[in-house]
């Protein structure tokens, strides 16, 4: 039934129309991921747009007011904070221009709405270092051109205006393969443009038939089942740069052009969105830390984020799989095993004073220990946010049937809670978040065992059961050469360090059944840490069992290799022995020169 004329949008109508558009985008996000081939076929456009738009609802849904301009400003601010990916930041910049144009207006007429969208398009166009036809930008321009044409023709009813605008914008989307060769080659339209058309369709449906009395509920928004795509859309494509890198720069009167010049030579697909006080950077690069360092000259850098597009492209180009294994970067896993078992890692954040890094991505183990030795600030680690996990889970859900996520125990970090919070927000996805009750190579052994089971085609429940057996039977022991770093981090008192130094003993750390790191014993002899730890552990294990062994070291690879060679001579029966670096979770307290030995029965009973 036709609802009559609508000649203005107030804050309530504007917000509810956008909410209806957001619902449309989220239900279509799997389809958007599947047709994502430009600028990189990494299969995450739907995930990034959904994350950007849900950030709007999370931050504005309970505080909507009748003033249209103030509502638009709140929407734009929330979009910028949550903007992810190329299309997400372009959309956020469009909303920034829209809000700047109408910030003082209590209601928007058709003419005022049109002028605001025109300003939004100009902002979005200026955000791009190299605008390309056949993308979301072309679709937005078609919308703006239609709005201008119809308002000049005297249309002053939003229902009639949006119907014609939607039809013409959809036509522009269908033309994107004619404008961009890669889309034509793969047989798809632009994913970002399709997302924008979804949003317009939802807004049109609300304006035509919706009610302000209807109440949006997150649990009602469920991504639609995957749509079949042309086979050629899944073909692997080489990429120029590995990392999709983003951050937010906070400052006063930030010179956008100078910031652009400082980072544009470090990659491509550069987008700068925001205001003079808050600028979001998006760029594809091989040097993410160089981007963060360059941006820090213009203000405070926060919200550092990056995606490994190489891994994403491989995942997107592969046939749909069963169970995805996720862990965090505190799990120390040899790189070749991480790659061969396709384990997905969410990085923790590491800060030395006011300088931040993403663990194992913008800060290598060698660089970490160099900072640990020379920096007067002891490192602080912070767990990934629920949003970090949300994006990971959403992306993987487009390519896997379910997810098993293994993390540090709550006694050590809040990472598990972040993962659980993200999973609760995604009830439509089969996600099991598990307390690994372990750290570093212990957690790594558990993740690898779960990934093996997933790769063998085990069901979700079978993978969970195998992971739980691995959790129950994996043990870890760490020999700390110098307690100075544990004292600096507040984990050990100075008096205990003095006693250990006086007695010339090496403390051995392990995990309690509750998932706490605690001292489990000591041994004499700091000169040969490898032999001392191997001999001490040999007295506390069942030598009849065959073990998978991971050894990690804090900048002492020779000692780690020595310990690996010693194991058979001390009665250990091993199926495999792998050596890797100790990451930040334990390394910040164990310090350089420490060794960690993790064991897991090769046959889990």
Protein backbone atom coordinates (compact mmCIF):
# COMPACT_ATOMS: atom_id res chain seq x y z
CA UNK A 1 0.00 0.00 0.00
CA UNK A 2 1.33 3.42 -0.97
CA UNK A 3 2.02 5.50 2.12
CA UNK A 4 1.54 8.98 0.57
CA UNK A 5 3.97 11.82 -0.02
CA UNK A 6 7.15 12.37 2.04
CA UNK A 7 8.51 15.87 1.58
CA UNK A 8 11.17 15.93 4.29
CA UNK A 9 13.50 13.71 6.33
CA UNK A 10 14.02 14.45 10.00
CA UNK A 11 16.60 12.69 12.18
CA UNK A 12 14.30 9.75 12.93
CA UNK A 13 13.42 9.11 9.29
CA UNK A 14 17.01 9.54 8.13
CA UNK A 15 18.31 7.07 10.71
CA UNK A 16 15.60 4.46 10.13
CA UNK A 17 16.03 4.67 6.36
CA UNK A 18 19.78 4.14 6.74
CA UNK A 19 19.15 1.27 9.17
CA UNK A 20 16.98 -0.45 6.58
CA UNK A 21 19.79 0.06 4.05
CA UNK A 22 22.32 -1.41 6.44
CA UNK A 23 20.16 -4.48 6.91
CA UNK A 24 20.17 -4.99 3.15
CA UNK A 25 23.96 -4.77 2.95
CA UNK A 26 24.47 -7.25 5.78
CA UNK A 27 22.10 -9.82 4.30
CA UNK A 28 24.06 -9.57 1.06
CA UNK A 29 27.57 -9.55 2.53
CA UNK A 30 28.46 -13.11 1.50
CA UNK A 31 27.56 -12.27 -2.08
CA UNK A 32 29.70 -9.13 -1.89
CA UNK A 33 32.66 -11.13 -0.60
CA UNK A 34 32.33 -13.59 -3.46
CA UNK A 35 32.30 -10.96 -6.22
CA UNK A 36 35.12 -8.87 -4.70
CA UNK A 37 37.85 -8.75 -7.38
CA UNK A 38 38.94 -5.08 -7.38
CA UNK A 39 41.32 -3.58 -6.34
CA UNK A 40 42.36 -6.94 -4.84
CA UNK A 41 40.37 -10.22 -4.97
CA UNK A 42 40.67 -10.74 -1.22
CA UNK A 43 37.01 -11.56 -0.66
CA UNK A 44 36.28 -9.13 2.19
CA UNK A 45 34.30 -6.21 0.73
CA UNK A 46 31.05 -7.46 2.25
CA UNK A 47 32.70 -7.97 5.62
CA UNK A 48 34.29 -4.50 5.58
CA UNK A 49 31.12 -2.71 4.50
CA UNK A 50 29.10 -4.56 7.12
CA UNK A 51 31.61 -3.68 9.83
CA UNK A 52 31.58 -0.02 8.78
CA UNK A 53 27.80 0.18 8.75
CA UNK A 54 27.26 -1.76 11.96
CA UNK A 55 29.60 0.72 13.65
CA UNK A 56 27.00 3.37 12.80
CA UNK A 57 24.22 1.41 14.48
CA UNK A 58 26.34 0.49 17.49
CA UNK A 59 27.11 4.15 18.17
CA UNK A 60 23.89 5.90 17.18
CA UNK A 61 20.95 3.51 17.56
CA UNK A 62 20.10 4.52 21.13
CA UNK A 63 20.71 8.25 20.71
CA UNK A 64 18.70 9.23 17.64
CA UNK A 65 17.17 12.71 17.78
CA UNK A 66 14.72 14.59 15.53
CA UNK A 67 17.38 17.06 14.29
CA UNK A 68 18.45 15.71 10.88
CA UNK A 69 21.78 17.54 10.74
CA UNK A 70 22.99 16.39 14.16
CA UNK A 71 21.89 12.86 13.34
CA UNK A 72 23.88 12.99 10.10
CA UNK A 73 26.97 14.20 11.98
CA UNK A 74 26.69 11.36 14.50
CA UNK A 75 26.32 8.87 11.64
CA UNK A 76 29.40 10.24 9.85
CA UNK A 77 31.54 10.21 13.01
CA UNK A 78 30.59 6.62 13.79
CA UNK A 79 31.23 5.55 10.18
CA UNK A 80 34.72 7.06 10.21
CA UNK A 81 35.64 5.34 13.48
CA UNK A 82 34.47 1.98 12.19
CA UNK A 83 35.44 2.35 8.53
CA UNK A 84 37.23 -0.70 7.13
CA UNK A 85 38.47 -1.47 3.65
CA UNK A 86 38.57 0.61 0.51
CA UNK A 87 34.80 0.79 -0.01
CA UNK A 88 34.10 1.26 3.70
CA UNK A 89 36.31 4.34 3.94
CA UNK A 90 34.94 5.78 0.68
CA UNK A 91 31.43 5.35 2.08
CA UNK A 92 32.46 6.93 5.39
CA UNK A 93 33.91 9.90 3.52
CA UNK A 94 30.71 10.24 1.51
CA UNK A 95 28.77 10.41 4.78
CA UNK A 96 31.27 12.99 6.10
CA UNK A 97 30.60 15.28 3.15
CA UNK A 98 26.85 14.67 3.46
CA UNK A 99 26.87 15.64 7.14
CA UNK A 100 29.05 18.72 6.64
CA UNK A 101 26.56 20.01 4.10
CA UNK A 102 23.46 19.60 6.29
CA UNK A 103 24.80 19.80 9.86
CA UNK A 104 22.70 22.86 10.76
CA UNK A 105 19.43 21.68 9.20
CA UNK A 106 16.61 20.33 11.37
CA UNK A 107 14.88 18.74 8.39
CA UNK A 108 16.05 17.85 4.90
CA UNK A 109 13.91 18.71 1.90
CA UNK A 110 14.49 16.94 -1.40
CA UNK A 111 16.67 19.82 -2.57
CA UNK A 112 18.75 19.91 0.63
CA UNK A 113 19.16 16.12 0.57
CA UNK A 114 20.39 16.34 -3.02
CA UNK A 115 22.93 19.06 -2.20
CA UNK A 116 24.19 16.98 0.74
CA UNK A 117 24.72 13.90 -1.46
CA UNK A 118 26.58 16.07 -3.99
CA UNK A 119 28.92 17.25 -1.23
CA UNK A 120 29.31 13.62 -0.14
CA UNK A 121 30.39 12.60 -3.62
CA UNK A 122 32.96 15.42 -3.78
CA UNK A 123 34.41 14.37 -0.42
CA UNK A 124 34.59 10.73 -1.52
CA UNK A 125 36.26 11.66 -4.82
CA UNK A 126 38.86 13.81 -3.05
CA UNK A 127 39.66 10.99 -0.63
CA UNK A 128 41.10 8.86 -3.42
CA UNK A 129 44.61 9.34 -4.70
CA UNK A 130 43.71 7.67 -8.02
CA UNK A 131 39.92 7.56 -8.65
CA UNK A 132 38.89 4.70 -10.93
CA UNK A 133 35.73 4.46 -13.05
CA UNK A 134 33.61 1.36 -12.60
CA UNK A 135 33.77 1.34 -8.78
CA UNK A 136 31.57 2.44 -5.90
CA UNK A 137 32.52 6.02 -6.80
CA UNK A 138 30.87 5.67 -10.23
CA UNK A 139 27.72 4.29 -8.62
CA UNK A 140 27.57 7.18 -6.12
CA UNK A 141 28.00 9.67 -8.97
CA UNK A 142 25.09 8.10 -10.85
CA UNK A 143 22.93 8.51 -7.75
CA UNK A 144 23.91 12.17 -7.34
CA UNK A 145 23.37 12.95 -11.03
CA UNK A 146 19.90 11.43 -10.92
CA UNK A 147 18.98 13.31 -7.74
CA UNK A 148 20.08 16.60 -9.31
CA UNK A 149 18.17 15.90 -12.51
CA UNK A 150 14.95 14.95 -10.74
CA UNK A 151 15.00 17.84 -8.29
CA UNK A 152 15.55 20.28 -11.16
CA UNK A 153 12.49 18.72 -12.79
CA UNK A 154 10.49 19.72 -9.72
CA UNK A 155 10.21 16.40 -7.87
CA UNK A 156 9.72 17.11 -4.14
CA UNK A 157 8.50 13.72 -2.91
CA UNK A 158 11.15 11.39 -1.51
CA UNK A 159 9.25 8.27 -2.58
CA UNK A 160 9.20 9.23 -6.26
CA UNK A 161 12.73 10.60 -6.02
CA UNK A 162 14.23 7.46 -4.52
CA UNK A 163 12.43 5.09 -6.91
CA UNK A 164 13.91 6.77 -9.98
CA UNK A 165 17.28 7.21 -8.28
CA UNK A 166 17.48 3.54 -7.32
CA UNK A 167 16.65 2.38 -10.85
CA UNK A 168 19.26 4.64 -12.45
CA UNK A 169 21.90 3.71 -9.87
CA UNK A 170 21.27 0.03 -10.47
CA UNK A 171 21.80 0.66 -14.19
CA UNK A 172 25.14 2.31 -13.37
CA UNK A 173 26.13 -0.75 -11.37
CA UNK A 174 25.37 -3.02 -14.34
CA UNK A 175 27.67 -0.85 -16.46
CA UNK A 176 30.69 -1.20 -14.17
CA UNK A 177 32.09 -4.22 -16.10
CA UNK A 178 32.16 -2.00 -19.21
CA UNK A 179 34.26 0.56 -17.32
CA UNK A 180 36.68 -1.76 -15.53
CA UNK A 181 38.33 -4.59 -17.47
CA UNK A 182 38.94 -6.85 -14.46
CA UNK A 183 35.19 -6.90 -13.71
CA UNK A 184 34.38 -7.84 -17.30
CA UNK A 185 37.04 -10.54 -17.28
CA UNK A 186 35.69 -12.10 -14.07
CA UNK A 187 32.03 -11.71 -15.04
CA UNK A 188 30.96 -9.65 -12.00
CA UNK A 189 29.93 -6.12 -11.08
CA UNK A 190 31.90 -4.01 -8.61
CA UNK A 191 31.41 -5.33 -5.08
CA UNK A 192 31.56 -1.92 -3.40
CA UNK A 193 29.08 -0.52 -5.92
CA UNK A 194 26.78 -3.49 -5.34
CA UNK A 195 26.93 -2.82 -1.61
CA UNK A 196 25.92 0.81 -2.17
CA UNK A 197 22.99 -0.29 -4.34
CA UNK A 198 21.91 -2.72 -1.61
CA UNK A 199 21.91 0.19 0.82
CA UNK A 200 19.80 2.35 -1.50
CA UNK A 201 17.35 -0.49 -1.99
CA UNK A 202 16.84 -0.87 1.75
CA UNK A 203 16.38 2.88 2.16
CA UNK A 204 13.83 2.93 -0.67
CA UNK A 205 11.89 0.06 0.89
CA UNK A 206 11.69 1.91 4.20
CA UNK A 207 10.71 5.24 2.65
CA UNK A 208 8.04 3.52 0.53
CA UNK A 209 6.59 1.06 3.04
CA UNK A 210 8.45 1.25 6.37
CA UNK A 211 7.24 2.47 9.72
CA UNK A 212 8.98 4.53 12.38
CA UNK A 213 7.35 2.23 14.92
CA UNK A 214 9.30 -0.78 13.67
CA UNK A 215 12.27 -1.63 15.88
CA UNK A 216 15.56 -2.88 14.47
CA UNK A 217 17.03 -5.96 16.15
CA UNK A 218 20.51 -7.18 15.37
CA UNK A 219 19.56 -10.84 15.67
CA UNK A 220 17.14 -10.39 12.77
CA UNK A 221 19.96 -9.47 10.41
CA UNK A 222 21.36 -12.68 8.99
CA UNK A 223 23.58 -12.88 5.89
CA UNK A 224 21.81 -14.65 3.06
CA UNK A 225 23.14 -18.01 1.82
CA UNK A 226 25.98 -17.74 -0.66
CA UNK A 227 24.95 -17.07 -4.23
CA UNK A 228 26.53 -19.01 -7.05
CA UNK A 229 29.15 -17.01 -8.91
CA UNK A 230 30.87 -17.50 -12.26
CA UNK A 231 33.76 -19.89 -11.80
CA UNK A 232 36.25 -17.40 -13.20
CA UNK A 233 35.57 -15.05 -10.28
CA UNK A 234 37.46 -17.46 -8.05
CA UNK A 235 40.68 -17.54 -10.08
CA UNK A 236 43.78 -16.61 -8.09
CA UNK A 237 45.28 -13.23 -8.96
CA UNK A 238 48.71 -11.88 -8.10
CA UNK A 239 48.72 -8.81 -5.87
CA UNK A 240 51.15 -5.88 -5.82
CA UNK A 241 51.31 -5.44 -2.05
CA UNK A 242 50.68 -7.83 0.81
CA UNK A 243 49.02 -5.80 3.56
CA UNK A 244 45.81 -3.78 3.54
CA UNK A 245 46.81 -1.23 6.18
CA UNK A 246 44.63 1.25 8.07
CA UNK A 247 44.92 3.65 11.00
CA UNK A 248 43.31 6.77 12.40
CA UNK A 249 45.37 9.94 12.88
CA UNK A 250 44.21 12.35 15.60
CA UNK A 251 45.48 15.93 15.66
CA UNK A 252 44.70 19.60 15.10
CA UNK A 253 44.39 21.00 11.59
CA UNK A 254 46.10 17.97 9.99
CA UNK A 255 47.47 18.96 6.54
CA UNK A 256 45.79 16.33 4.38
CA UNK A 257 47.93 16.94 1.29
CA UNK A 258 51.19 16.65 3.24
CA UNK A 259 49.97 13.48 4.93
CA UNK A 260 49.05 12.08 1.53
CA UNK A 261 52.52 12.90 0.19
CA UNK A 262 54.17 11.26 3.21
CA UNK A 263 52.53 7.87 2.64
CA UNK A 264 51.55 7.60 -1.03
CA UNK A 265 54.99 6.41 -2.17
CA UNK A 266 54.77 3.41 0.17
CA UNK A 267 51.96 1.57 -1.60
CA UNK A 268 48.79 1.95 -3.67
CA UNK A 269 44.99 2.09 -3.28
CA UNK A 270 45.44 5.07 -0.95
CA UNK A 271 42.27 6.55 0.57
CA UNK A 272 42.26 9.39 3.12
CA UNK A 273 38.95 10.02 4.84
CA UNK A 274 37.80 12.19 7.72
CA UNK A 275 38.24 15.73 8.99
CA UNK A 276 41.11 18.05 9.86
CA UNK A 277 41.12 16.56 13.35
CA UNK A 278 40.60 12.86 12.50
CA UNK A 279 41.89 11.26 9.31
CA UNK A 280 41.50 7.59 8.45
CA UNK A 281 44.26 6.17 6.24
CA UNK A 282 43.74 3.15 4.00
CA UNK A 283 46.61 1.88 1.83
CA UNK A 284 47.96 -1.36 0.36
CA UNK A 285 51.63 -1.74 1.27
CA UNK A 286 54.46 -4.08 2.15
CA UNK A 287 55.62 -1.72 4.91
CA UNK A 288 52.76 -1.16 7.37
CA UNK A 289 55.03 0.06 10.16
CA UNK A 290 56.48 2.67 7.80
CA UNK A 291 52.92 3.93 7.22
CA UNK A 292 52.26 4.19 10.95
CA UNK A 293 55.61 5.91 11.50
CA UNK A 294 54.99 8.45 8.72
CA UNK A 295 51.48 9.15 10.02
CA UNK A 296 52.77 9.71 13.57
CA UNK A 297 54.49 12.91 12.37
CA UNK A 298 51.01 14.42 11.88
CA UNK A 299 49.32 13.36 15.12
CA UNK A 300 48.50 10.46 17.40
CA UNK A 301 48.12 7.18 15.54
CA UNK A 302 45.40 4.87 16.87
CA UNK A 303 43.33 1.97 15.61
CA UNK A 304 46.14 0.34 13.66
CA UNK A 305 44.74 -2.48 11.57
CA UNK A 306 45.98 -4.62 8.73
CA UNK A 307 44.89 -7.62 6.72
CA UNK A 308 47.20 -10.07 5.03
CA UNK A 309 45.75 -9.84 1.53
CA UNK A 310 47.97 -12.65 0.28
CA UNK A 311 46.32 -15.04 2.74
CA UNK A 312 42.88 -13.60 2.01
CA UNK A 313 43.28 -14.01 -1.73
CA UNK A 314 44.32 -17.65 -1.24
CA UNK A 315 41.31 -18.26 0.98
CA UNK A 316 38.89 -16.51 -1.37
CA UNK A 317 40.23 -18.37 -4.41
CA UNK A 318 39.87 -21.80 -2.79
CA UNK A 319 36.74 -23.97 -2.74
CA UNK A 320 34.59 -23.60 0.36
CA UNK A 321 36.02 -25.56 3.29
CA UNK A 322 34.74 -27.09 6.51
CA UNK A 323 36.31 -25.74 9.70
CA UNK A 324 38.52 -22.64 9.99
CA UNK A 325 41.06 -22.49 12.84
CA UNK A 326 41.69 -19.10 14.44
CA UNK A 327 44.14 -18.16 17.16
CA UNK A 328 45.91 -14.99 18.28
CA UNK A 329 49.52 -13.97 17.74
CA UNK A 330 50.56 -15.06 21.24
CA UNK A 331 50.47 -18.62 19.90
CA UNK A 332 54.02 -19.29 18.73
CA UNK A 333 53.86 -21.51 15.64
CA UNK A 334 56.61 -22.16 13.07
CA UNK A 335 55.80 -20.19 9.91
CA UNK A 336 55.77 -23.23 7.63
CA UNK A 337 53.18 -24.99 9.80
CA UNK A 338 51.06 -21.85 9.99
CA UNK A 339 51.03 -21.72 6.22
CA UNK A 340 50.55 -25.41 5.47
CA UNK A 341 47.68 -25.80 7.96
CA UNK A 342 46.11 -22.45 7.02
CA UNK A 343 45.83 -21.16 10.59
CA UNK A 344 44.31 -17.69 10.83
CA UNK A 345 45.90 -15.32 13.35
CA UNK A 346 44.51 -12.16 14.95
CA UNK A 347 47.45 -10.00 16.14
CA UNK A 348 47.69 -8.54 19.63
CA UNK A 349 48.94 -4.99 20.04
CA UNK A 350 52.29 -4.18 21.64
CA UNK A 351 53.20 -0.74 22.97
CA UNK A 352 56.57 0.61 24.05
CA UNK A 353 55.57 3.90 25.64
CA UNK A 354 53.39 5.73 23.11
CA UNK A 355 54.69 3.74 20.14
CA UNK A 356 52.43 0.90 19.08
CA UNK A 357 52.96 -2.22 16.97
CA UNK A 358 50.98 -5.20 15.72
CA UNK A 359 52.61 -8.33 17.07
CA UNK A 360 54.62 -10.33 14.50
CA UNK A 361 53.38 -8.12 11.66
CA UNK A 362 54.82 -4.64 12.19
CA UNK A 363 57.17 -5.94 14.89
CA UNK A 364 59.30 -9.04 14.29
CA UNK A 365 60.62 -11.12 17.21
CA UNK A 366 64.14 -9.76 16.67
CA UNK A 367 62.85 -6.19 16.66
CA UNK A 368 60.78 -6.89 19.75
CA UNK A 369 63.77 -8.13 21.76
CA UNK A 370 65.90 -5.23 20.57
CA UNK A 371 63.24 -2.83 21.85
CA UNK A 372 62.93 -4.85 25.06
CA UNK A 373 66.66 -4.47 25.74
CA UNK A 374 67.09 -0.84 24.72
CA UNK A 375 63.75 0.87 25.34
CA UNK A 376 63.29 2.38 28.82
CA UNK A 377 59.57 1.62 28.58
CA UNK A 378 58.57 -1.95 29.41
CA UNK A 379 56.20 -3.29 26.73
CA UNK A 380 52.47 -3.36 27.34
CA UNK A 381 50.31 -5.75 25.37
CA UNK A 382 46.62 -5.28 24.68
CA UNK A 383 44.26 -7.91 23.40
CA UNK A 384 42.53 -7.62 20.03
CA UNK A 385 39.15 -5.91 20.24
CA UNK A 386 35.86 -7.75 19.70
CA UNK A 387 35.71 -5.86 16.40
CA UNK A 388 39.00 -7.42 15.29
CA UNK A 389 37.56 -10.88 15.88
CA UNK A 390 34.19 -9.91 14.39
CA UNK A 391 35.82 -9.00 11.08
CA UNK A 392 37.91 -12.18 11.06
CA UNK A 393 34.91 -14.38 11.80
CA UNK A 394 32.71 -12.63 9.23
CA UNK A 395 35.33 -12.97 6.51
CA UNK A 396 35.94 -16.65 7.27
CA UNK A 397 32.21 -17.40 7.39
CA UNK A 398 32.04 -16.53 3.69
CA UNK A 399 34.58 -19.25 2.93
CA UNK A 400 34.16 -21.87 5.70
CA UNK A 401 31.22 -23.69 7.21
CA UNK A 402 32.30 -23.09 10.82
CA UNK A 403 35.07 -21.71 13.04
CA UNK A 404 37.06 -22.97 16.03
CA UNK A 405 38.91 -20.17 17.83
CA UNK A 406 41.67 -20.98 20.38
CA UNK A 407 43.07 -18.37 22.75
CA UNK A 408 44.98 -17.45 25.89
CA UNK A 409 43.31 -18.17 29.24
CA UNK A 410 41.53 -15.25 30.99
CA UNK A 411 44.06 -15.29 33.82
CA UNK A 412 46.71 -14.18 31.33
CA UNK A 413 44.79 -11.88 28.95
CA UNK A 414 41.37 -10.57 27.99
CA UNK A 415 41.76 -11.98 24.48
CA UNK A 416 39.38 -14.89 25.10
CA UNK A 417 36.65 -12.53 26.27
CA UNK A 418 37.07 -10.37 23.16
CA UNK A 419 36.66 -13.45 20.98
CA UNK A 420 33.61 -14.60 22.96
CA UNK A 421 32.00 -11.16 22.71
CA UNK A 422 32.49 -11.17 18.94
CA UNK A 423 31.05 -14.68 18.62
CA UNK A 424 27.95 -13.69 20.61
CA UNK A 425 27.30 -10.92 18.10
CA UNK A 426 27.29 -13.48 15.27
CA UNK A 427 24.70 -16.08 16.30
CA UNK A 428 24.15 -17.07 12.69
CA UNK A 429 27.75 -18.38 12.40
CA UNK A 430 28.83 -21.68 13.97
CA UNK A 431 31.75 -20.48 16.14
CA UNK A 432 33.29 -22.32 19.08
CA UNK A 433 35.66 -20.17 21.17
CA UNK A 434 37.93 -22.27 23.37
CA UNK A 435 40.14 -21.48 26.36
CA UNK A 436 43.52 -22.93 25.36
CA UNK A 437 44.72 -22.95 28.99
CA UNK A 438 48.17 -22.41 27.55
CA UNK A 439 50.53 -19.81 26.12
CA UNK A 440 53.22 -19.41 23.43
CA UNK A 441 54.31 -22.77 21.89
CA UNK A 442 51.84 -24.65 24.10
CA UNK A 443 48.96 -22.79 22.49
CA UNK A 444 50.71 -23.23 19.15
CA UNK A 445 50.79 -27.03 19.51
CA UNK A 446 47.07 -27.03 20.31
CA UNK A 447 46.20 -24.85 17.31
CA UNK A 448 48.24 -27.05 14.97
CA UNK A 449 46.54 -30.22 16.23
CA UNK A 450 43.11 -28.66 15.67
CA UNK A 451 44.17 -27.46 12.20
CA UNK A 452 45.36 -30.94 11.27
CA UNK A 453 41.96 -32.34 12.16
CA UNK A 454 40.21 -29.62 10.15
CA UNK A 455 42.44 -30.26 7.14
CA UNK A 456 41.63 -33.98 7.34
CA UNK A 457 37.96 -33.10 6.89
CA UNK A 458 36.80 -33.76 10.44
CA UNK A 459 33.44 -32.30 11.42
CA UNK A 460 33.14 -29.21 13.62
CA UNK A 461 32.31 -31.28 16.71
CA UNK A 462 35.19 -33.66 16.02
CA UNK A 463 37.65 -30.77 15.69
CA UNK A 464 36.40 -29.30 18.97
CA UNK A 465 36.81 -32.67 20.72
CA UNK A 466 40.35 -33.12 19.38
CA UNK A 467 41.26 -29.56 20.37
CA UNK A 468 39.95 -30.18 23.88
CA UNK A 469 42.04 -33.35 24.23
CA UNK A 470 45.06 -31.37 23.06
CA UNK A 471 44.33 -28.65 25.62
CA UNK A 472 44.05 -31.24 28.40
CA UNK A 473 47.31 -32.97 27.53
CA UNK A 474 49.67 -30.20 26.37
CA UNK A 475 52.26 -29.03 28.90
CA UNK A 476 54.76 -26.21 28.77
CA UNK A 477 57.88 -25.30 30.72
CA UNK A 478 59.91 -22.08 30.50
CA UNK A 479 63.42 -21.47 31.85
CA UNK A 480 64.02 -17.80 32.60
CA UNK A 481 67.65 -16.75 32.36
CA UNK A 482 67.26 -13.25 33.82
CA UNK A 483 64.36 -12.24 36.08
CA UNK A 484 65.02 -8.53 35.51
CA UNK A 485 62.35 -8.33 32.81
CA UNK A 486 59.76 -10.10 34.96
CA UNK A 487 60.51 -7.56 37.70
CA UNK A 488 60.10 -4.67 35.22
CA UNK A 489 56.76 -6.11 34.14
CA UNK A 490 55.57 -6.52 37.73
CA UNK A 491 55.31 -10.33 37.52
CA UNK A 492 58.13 -11.06 40.00
CA UNK A 493 59.15 -9.10 43.11
CA UNK A 494 62.68 -7.75 43.47
CA UNK A 495 63.14 -9.84 46.62
CA UNK A 496 62.43 -13.09 44.75
CA UNK A 497 64.89 -12.06 42.05
CA UNK A 498 67.57 -11.39 44.68
CA UNK A 499 67.01 -14.82 46.24
CA UNK A 500 67.22 -16.55 42.83
CA UNK A 501 70.39 -14.62 41.97
CA UNK A 502 71.97 -15.41 45.33
CA UNK A 503 71.18 -19.13 45.02
CA UNK A 504 72.18 -19.08 41.31
CA UNK A 505 69.06 -21.03 40.39
CA UNK A 506 66.99 -20.89 37.22
CA UNK A 507 63.22 -20.69 37.80
CA UNK A 508 60.99 -22.93 35.69
CA UNK A 509 57.57 -21.53 34.79
CA UNK A 510 54.55 -23.59 33.77
CA UNK A 511 50.76 -23.43 33.53
CA UNK A 512 48.40 -24.21 36.39
CA UNK A 513 45.16 -26.15 35.70
CA UNK A 514 43.35 -22.80 35.95
CA UNK A 515 45.43 -21.30 33.16
CA UNK A 516 47.80 -19.16 35.23
CA UNK A 517 51.54 -18.85 34.65
CA UNK A 518 53.33 -19.90 37.84
CA UNK A 519 56.69 -21.17 39.04
CA UNK A 520 56.77 -24.97 38.99
CA UNK A 521 60.37 -25.52 40.08
CA UNK A 522 64.01 -24.49 39.80
CA UNK A 523 67.28 -26.01 38.68
CA UNK A 524 70.92 -25.12 39.17
CA UNK A 525 73.22 -24.02 36.38
CA UNK A 526 72.66 -20.85 34.38
CA UNK A 527 75.58 -21.53 32.07
CA UNK A 528 73.76 -24.23 30.12
CA UNK A 529 70.08 -23.39 30.13
CA UNK A 530 69.28 -25.91 27.38
CA UNK A 531 70.62 -28.93 29.26
CA UNK A 532 69.24 -27.74 32.58
CA UNK A 533 65.66 -27.33 31.30
CA UNK A 534 65.72 -30.54 29.26
CA UNK A 535 66.95 -32.57 32.24
CA UNK A 536 64.44 -30.96 34.63
CA UNK A 537 61.48 -31.65 32.31
CA UNK A 538 62.67 -35.22 31.68
CA UNK A 539 62.05 -35.93 35.35
CA UNK A 540 58.44 -34.77 35.11
CA UNK A 541 57.12 -36.50 31.98
CA UNK A 542 56.08 -40.02 31.03
CA UNK A 543 59.04 -41.31 29.01
CA UNK A 544 56.95 -44.14 27.61
CA UNK A 545 54.95 -41.68 25.54
CA UNK A 546 55.90 -40.28 22.16
CA UNK A 547 55.62 -36.49 22.04
CA UNK A 548 55.21 -33.71 19.54
CA UNK A 549 57.62 -31.02 20.74
CA UNK A 550 57.75 -27.29 20.10
CA UNK A 551 60.74 -25.31 21.39
CA UNK A 552 60.81 -21.53 21.42
CA UNK A 553 63.63 -19.21 22.27
CA UNK A 554 64.09 -15.56 23.20
CA UNK A 555 66.84 -14.54 20.81
CA UNK A 556 69.00 -17.65 21.43
CA UNK A 557 68.45 -20.02 18.48
CA UNK A 558 71.67 -21.96 19.12
CA UNK A 559 70.50 -22.90 22.62
CA UNK A 560 67.13 -23.99 21.23
CA UNK A 561 68.82 -26.24 18.65
CA UNK A 562 71.09 -27.63 21.34
CA UNK A 563 68.10 -28.53 23.49
CA UNK A 564 66.37 -30.19 20.55
CA UNK A 565 69.44 -32.33 19.92
CA UNK A 566 69.65 -33.26 23.62
CA UNK A 567 66.12 -34.66 23.91
CA UNK A 568 66.81 -38.18 22.54
CA UNK A 569 69.90 -38.55 24.75
CA UNK A 570 67.79 -37.82 27.84
CA UNK A 571 65.14 -40.43 27.10
CA UNK A 572 62.57 -38.33 25.24
CA UNK A 573 60.63 -40.12 22.49
CA UNK A 574 59.59 -37.56 19.89
CA UNK A 575 57.48 -37.62 16.76
CA UNK A 576 58.53 -34.13 15.72
CA UNK A 577 60.62 -31.29 17.13
CA UNK A 578 59.92 -27.77 15.85
CA UNK A 579 61.80 -24.60 16.82
CA UNK A 580 60.46 -21.05 16.64
CA UNK A 581 60.76 -17.64 18.33
CA UNK A 582 59.09 -16.81 21.64
CA UNK A 583 56.56 -14.06 21.12
CA UNK A 584 55.53 -11.13 23.22
CA UNK A 585 53.15 -12.83 25.67
CA UNK A 586 55.94 -14.58 27.60
CA UNK A 587 58.96 -12.91 25.98
CA UNK A 588 58.23 -9.53 27.58
CA UNK A 589 58.60 -11.14 31.03
CA UNK A 590 61.06 -13.97 30.29
CA UNK A 591 63.49 -11.68 28.50
CA UNK A 592 66.33 -12.55 26.09
CA UNK A 593 68.12 -15.86 26.55
CA UNK A 594 65.09 -17.79 27.84
CA UNK A 595 63.92 -21.15 26.51
CA UNK A 596 60.47 -22.76 26.39
CA UNK A 597 59.66 -26.43 25.89
CA UNK A 598 56.12 -27.58 25.05
CA UNK A 599 55.11 -31.22 24.78
CA UNK A 600 51.97 -32.91 23.52
CA UNK A 601 51.40 -36.68 23.18
CA UNK A 602 51.58 -37.66 19.52
CA UNK A 603 48.55 -39.87 20.16
CA UNK A 604 45.86 -38.00 22.05
CA UNK A 605 43.87 -40.46 24.15
